[in-house]
């Protein structure tokens, strides 16, 4: 098939499994990278949620400060990347 995606065979998967069995460093590295990604996403969600309460509690932050400006910039960027309705403000 010219110009398309080639069909997958099991050789790439078998090679990956044998590499992880022979070298456990690769498996530990992938596991720690996955955990790091999950923690980063969790932290981002916590900070985004806390900004809502910071806005209500501190009147100085309630005005358009750089903190909320960055949050609104992020929301605008996400709205450009993702389709309508997937990004909540």
N, C-alpha and C. Protein backbone atom coordinates (compact mmCIF):
# COMPACT_ATOMS: atom_id res chain seq x y z
N UNK A 1 0.86 -1.17 0.00
CA UNK A 1 0.00 0.00 0.00
C UNK A 1 0.90 1.23 0.00
N UNK A 2 0.85 1.96 -1.05
CA UNK A 2 1.74 3.10 -1.21
C UNK A 2 1.16 4.36 -0.59
N UNK A 3 1.97 5.05 0.22
CA UNK A 3 1.55 6.31 0.80
C UNK A 3 0.61 6.19 1.98
N UNK A 4 0.30 4.99 2.40
CA UNK A 4 -0.61 4.81 3.52
C UNK A 4 0.11 4.33 4.75
N UNK A 5 -0.66 3.90 5.70
CA UNK A 5 -0.10 3.38 6.94
C UNK A 5 0.10 1.88 6.76
N UNK A 6 1.31 1.38 7.01
CA UNK A 6 1.52 -0.06 6.84
C UNK A 6 0.81 -0.84 7.94
N UNK A 7 0.44 -2.06 7.60
CA UNK A 7 -0.23 -2.89 8.59
C UNK A 7 0.77 -3.32 9.66
N UNK A 8 0.30 -3.37 10.87
CA UNK A 8 1.18 -3.71 11.99
C UNK A 8 1.28 -5.22 12.12
N UNK A 9 2.48 -5.68 12.35
CA UNK A 9 2.66 -7.08 12.68
C UNK A 9 3.13 -7.17 14.13
N UNK A 10 3.27 -8.35 14.62
CA UNK A 10 3.61 -8.53 16.02
C UNK A 10 5.08 -8.35 16.35
N UNK A 11 5.91 -8.11 15.33
CA UNK A 11 7.36 -8.07 15.60
C UNK A 11 7.75 -6.87 16.46
N UNK A 12 7.14 -5.72 16.24
CA UNK A 12 7.49 -4.53 17.03
C UNK A 12 7.10 -4.74 18.50
N UNK A 13 5.94 -5.35 18.72
CA UNK A 13 5.51 -5.61 20.09
C UNK A 13 6.42 -6.61 20.77
N UNK A 14 6.78 -7.67 20.04
CA UNK A 14 7.67 -8.69 20.61
C UNK A 14 9.04 -8.10 20.93
N UNK A 15 9.52 -7.20 20.07
CA UNK A 15 10.81 -6.56 20.32
C UNK A 15 10.75 -5.69 21.58
N UNK A 16 9.64 -4.98 21.76
CA UNK A 16 9.47 -4.13 22.94
C UNK A 16 9.43 -4.97 24.21
N UNK A 17 8.71 -6.07 24.18
CA UNK A 17 8.61 -6.94 25.35
C UNK A 17 9.97 -7.56 25.69
N UNK A 18 10.69 -8.01 24.66
CA UNK A 18 12.00 -8.61 24.94
C UNK A 18 12.99 -7.58 25.47
N UNK A 19 12.88 -6.34 24.99
CA UNK A 19 13.76 -5.28 25.49
C UNK A 19 13.48 -5.00 26.96
N UNK A 20 12.21 -4.98 27.34
CA UNK A 20 11.88 -4.70 28.74
C UNK A 20 12.25 -5.87 29.65
N UNK A 21 12.23 -7.10 29.13
CA UNK A 21 12.65 -8.24 29.95
C UNK A 21 14.16 -8.27 30.12
N UNK A 22 14.88 -7.93 29.06
CA UNK A 22 16.34 -7.96 29.13
C UNK A 22 16.92 -6.75 29.85
N UNK A 23 16.20 -5.65 29.83
CA UNK A 23 16.70 -4.41 30.43
C UNK A 23 15.60 -3.79 31.28
N UNK A 24 15.51 -4.12 32.56
CA UNK A 24 14.43 -3.59 33.40
C UNK A 24 14.52 -2.08 33.61
N UNK A 25 15.65 -1.49 33.28
CA UNK A 25 15.80 -0.03 33.39
C UNK A 25 14.77 0.68 32.50
N UNK A 26 14.53 0.13 31.31
CA UNK A 26 13.57 0.73 30.39
C UNK A 26 12.17 0.69 30.99
N UNK A 27 11.82 -0.42 31.60
CA UNK A 27 10.50 -0.55 32.21
C UNK A 27 10.34 0.42 33.38
N UNK A 28 11.36 0.54 34.22
CA UNK A 28 11.30 1.48 35.35
C UNK A 28 11.23 2.93 34.86
N UNK A 29 11.96 3.22 33.79
CA UNK A 29 11.95 4.57 33.24
C UNK A 29 10.57 4.92 32.70
N UNK A 30 9.95 4.00 31.97
CA UNK A 30 8.61 4.25 31.43
C UNK A 30 7.58 4.39 32.55
N UNK A 31 7.70 3.57 33.58
CA UNK A 31 6.77 3.64 34.70
C UNK A 31 6.90 4.97 35.44
N UNK A 32 8.13 5.40 35.70
CA UNK A 32 8.32 6.66 36.42
C UNK A 32 7.88 7.85 35.56
N UNK A 33 8.07 7.77 34.25
CA UNK A 33 7.60 8.85 33.38
C UNK A 33 6.07 8.92 33.39
N UNK A 34 5.42 7.76 33.41
CA UNK A 34 3.96 7.75 33.47
C UNK A 34 3.43 8.32 34.77
N UNK A 35 4.05 7.95 35.88
CA UNK A 35 3.64 8.49 37.18
C UNK A 35 3.87 10.00 37.21
N UNK A 36 5.00 10.45 36.66
CA UNK A 36 5.28 11.89 36.62
C UNK A 36 4.24 12.65 35.82
N UNK A 37 3.79 12.08 34.71
CA UNK A 37 2.75 12.72 33.91
C UNK A 37 1.43 12.81 34.66
N UNK A 38 1.08 11.74 35.37
CA UNK A 38 -0.16 11.76 36.15
C UNK A 38 -0.10 12.81 37.26
N UNK A 39 1.03 12.90 37.94
CA UNK A 39 1.17 13.89 39.01
C UNK A 39 1.13 15.31 38.46
N UNK A 40 1.72 15.53 37.30
CA UNK A 40 1.69 16.86 36.70
C UNK A 40 0.26 17.25 36.35
N UNK A 41 -0.50 16.32 35.75
CA UNK A 41 -1.89 16.62 35.40
C UNK A 41 -2.74 16.87 36.64
N UNK A 42 -2.52 16.09 37.69
CA UNK A 42 -3.26 16.28 38.94
C UNK A 42 -2.96 17.66 39.52
N UNK A 43 -1.69 18.04 39.53
CA UNK A 43 -1.29 19.34 40.08
C UNK A 43 -1.91 20.47 39.27
N UNK A 44 -1.93 20.33 37.96
CA UNK A 44 -2.54 21.36 37.11
C UNK A 44 -4.02 21.52 37.42
N UNK A 45 -4.72 20.41 37.62
CA UNK A 45 -6.14 20.47 37.96
C UNK A 45 -6.39 21.11 39.31
N UNK A 46 -5.55 20.80 40.28
CA UNK A 46 -5.71 21.38 41.62
C UNK A 46 -5.48 22.88 41.58
N UNK A 47 -4.46 23.32 40.88
CA UNK A 47 -4.18 24.75 40.79
C UNK A 47 -5.31 25.47 40.07
N UNK A 48 -5.82 24.89 38.99
CA UNK A 48 -6.92 25.53 38.27
C UNK A 48 -8.16 25.65 39.14
N UNK A 49 -8.44 24.62 39.93
CA UNK A 49 -9.58 24.68 40.83
C UNK A 49 -9.40 25.68 41.95
N UNK A 50 -8.18 25.81 42.43
CA UNK A 50 -7.94 26.75 43.53
C UNK A 50 -8.02 28.20 43.07
N UNK A 51 -7.76 28.45 41.81
CA UNK A 51 -7.85 29.83 41.32
C UNK A 51 -9.27 30.38 41.44
N UNK A 52 -10.26 29.50 41.34
CA UNK A 52 -11.65 29.95 41.48
C UNK A 52 -11.91 30.48 42.89
N UNK A 53 -11.37 29.80 43.90
CA UNK A 53 -11.58 30.24 45.28
C UNK A 53 -10.70 31.43 45.63
N UNK A 54 -9.52 31.50 45.06
CA UNK A 54 -8.65 32.66 45.29
C UNK A 54 -9.33 33.91 44.78
N UNK A 55 -9.98 33.80 43.65
CA UNK A 55 -10.67 34.95 43.05
C UNK A 55 -11.77 35.46 43.98
N UNK A 56 -12.49 34.55 44.64
CA UNK A 56 -13.58 34.96 45.53
C UNK A 56 -13.06 35.51 46.86
N UNK A 57 -12.00 34.94 47.39
CA UNK A 57 -11.52 35.32 48.72
C UNK A 57 -10.68 36.59 48.74
N UNK A 58 -9.90 36.79 47.73
CA UNK A 58 -9.00 37.94 47.71
C UNK A 58 -9.44 38.93 46.63
N UNK A 59 -9.86 40.09 47.07
CA UNK A 59 -10.40 41.08 46.13
C UNK A 59 -9.32 41.65 45.21
N UNK A 60 -8.06 41.66 45.67
CA UNK A 60 -6.99 42.14 44.80
C UNK A 60 -6.82 41.23 43.59
N UNK A 61 -7.00 39.95 43.81
CA UNK A 61 -6.86 39.00 42.71
C UNK A 61 -8.11 39.01 41.84
N UNK A 62 -9.23 39.46 42.41
CA UNK A 62 -10.47 39.49 41.65
C UNK A 62 -10.38 40.46 40.48
N UNK A 63 -9.58 41.50 40.65
CA UNK A 63 -9.35 42.38 39.50
C UNK A 63 -8.46 41.65 38.52
N UNK A 64 -8.44 42.08 37.30
CA UNK A 64 -7.69 41.40 36.24
C UNK A 64 -6.19 41.50 36.49
N UNK A 65 -5.66 40.61 37.28
CA UNK A 65 -4.23 40.59 37.55
C UNK A 65 -3.57 39.60 36.60
N UNK A 66 -2.27 39.51 36.67
CA UNK A 66 -1.53 38.62 35.77
C UNK A 66 -1.90 37.16 36.00
N UNK A 67 -2.32 36.81 37.23
CA UNK A 67 -2.66 35.43 37.53
C UNK A 67 -3.89 34.99 36.74
N UNK A 68 -4.93 35.81 36.76
CA UNK A 68 -6.12 35.46 36.01
C UNK A 68 -5.89 35.63 34.52
N UNK A 69 -5.04 36.56 34.17
CA UNK A 69 -4.74 36.73 32.75
C UNK A 69 -4.12 35.49 32.16
N UNK A 70 -3.23 34.86 32.92
CA UNK A 70 -2.60 33.63 32.45
C UNK A 70 -3.62 32.50 32.36
N UNK A 71 -4.55 32.46 33.30
CA UNK A 71 -5.58 31.43 33.26
C UNK A 71 -6.46 31.62 32.03
N UNK A 72 -6.83 32.85 31.74
CA UNK A 72 -7.67 33.11 30.58
C UNK A 72 -6.91 32.86 29.28
N UNK A 73 -5.60 33.14 29.27
CA UNK A 73 -4.79 32.82 28.09
C UNK A 73 -4.79 31.32 27.84
N UNK A 74 -4.64 30.56 28.91
CA UNK A 74 -4.64 29.11 28.78
C UNK A 74 -5.96 28.58 28.26
N UNK A 75 -7.05 29.15 28.73
CA UNK A 75 -8.37 28.73 28.27
C UNK A 75 -8.54 29.06 26.79
N UNK A 76 -8.07 30.22 26.36
CA UNK A 76 -8.17 30.60 24.95
C UNK A 76 -7.34 29.66 24.07
N UNK A 77 -6.16 29.29 24.54
CA UNK A 77 -5.32 28.37 23.77
C UNK A 77 -6.00 27.01 23.67
N UNK A 78 -6.56 26.53 24.78
CA UNK A 78 -7.25 25.24 24.76
C UNK A 78 -8.46 25.27 23.84
N UNK A 79 -9.17 26.39 23.80
CA UNK A 79 -10.33 26.49 22.91
C UNK A 79 -9.92 26.45 21.44
N UNK A 80 -8.72 26.93 21.13
CA UNK A 80 -8.24 26.86 19.75
C UNK A 80 -7.84 25.43 19.39
N UNK A 81 -7.34 24.68 20.37
CA UNK A 81 -6.87 23.32 20.10
C UNK A 81 -8.03 22.33 20.07
N UNK A 82 -8.92 22.41 21.06
CA UNK A 82 -9.98 21.42 21.19
C UNK A 82 -11.29 21.95 20.61
N UNK A 83 -12.15 21.04 20.17
CA UNK A 83 -13.44 21.47 19.61
C UNK A 83 -14.33 22.17 20.64
N UNK A 84 -15.36 22.80 20.16
CA UNK A 84 -16.29 23.56 20.99
C UNK A 84 -16.94 22.65 22.03
N UNK A 85 -17.04 23.14 23.25
CA UNK A 85 -17.75 22.42 24.29
C UNK A 85 -16.87 21.51 25.14
N UNK A 86 -15.62 21.27 24.76
CA UNK A 86 -14.77 20.39 25.55
C UNK A 86 -13.98 21.14 26.61
N UNK A 87 -13.90 22.47 26.51
CA UNK A 87 -13.13 23.26 27.47
C UNK A 87 -14.10 24.09 28.29
N UNK A 88 -14.10 23.86 29.61
CA UNK A 88 -14.97 24.64 30.49
C UNK A 88 -14.18 25.78 31.10
N UNK A 89 -14.79 26.94 31.15
CA UNK A 89 -14.10 28.11 31.72
C UNK A 89 -14.34 28.20 33.19
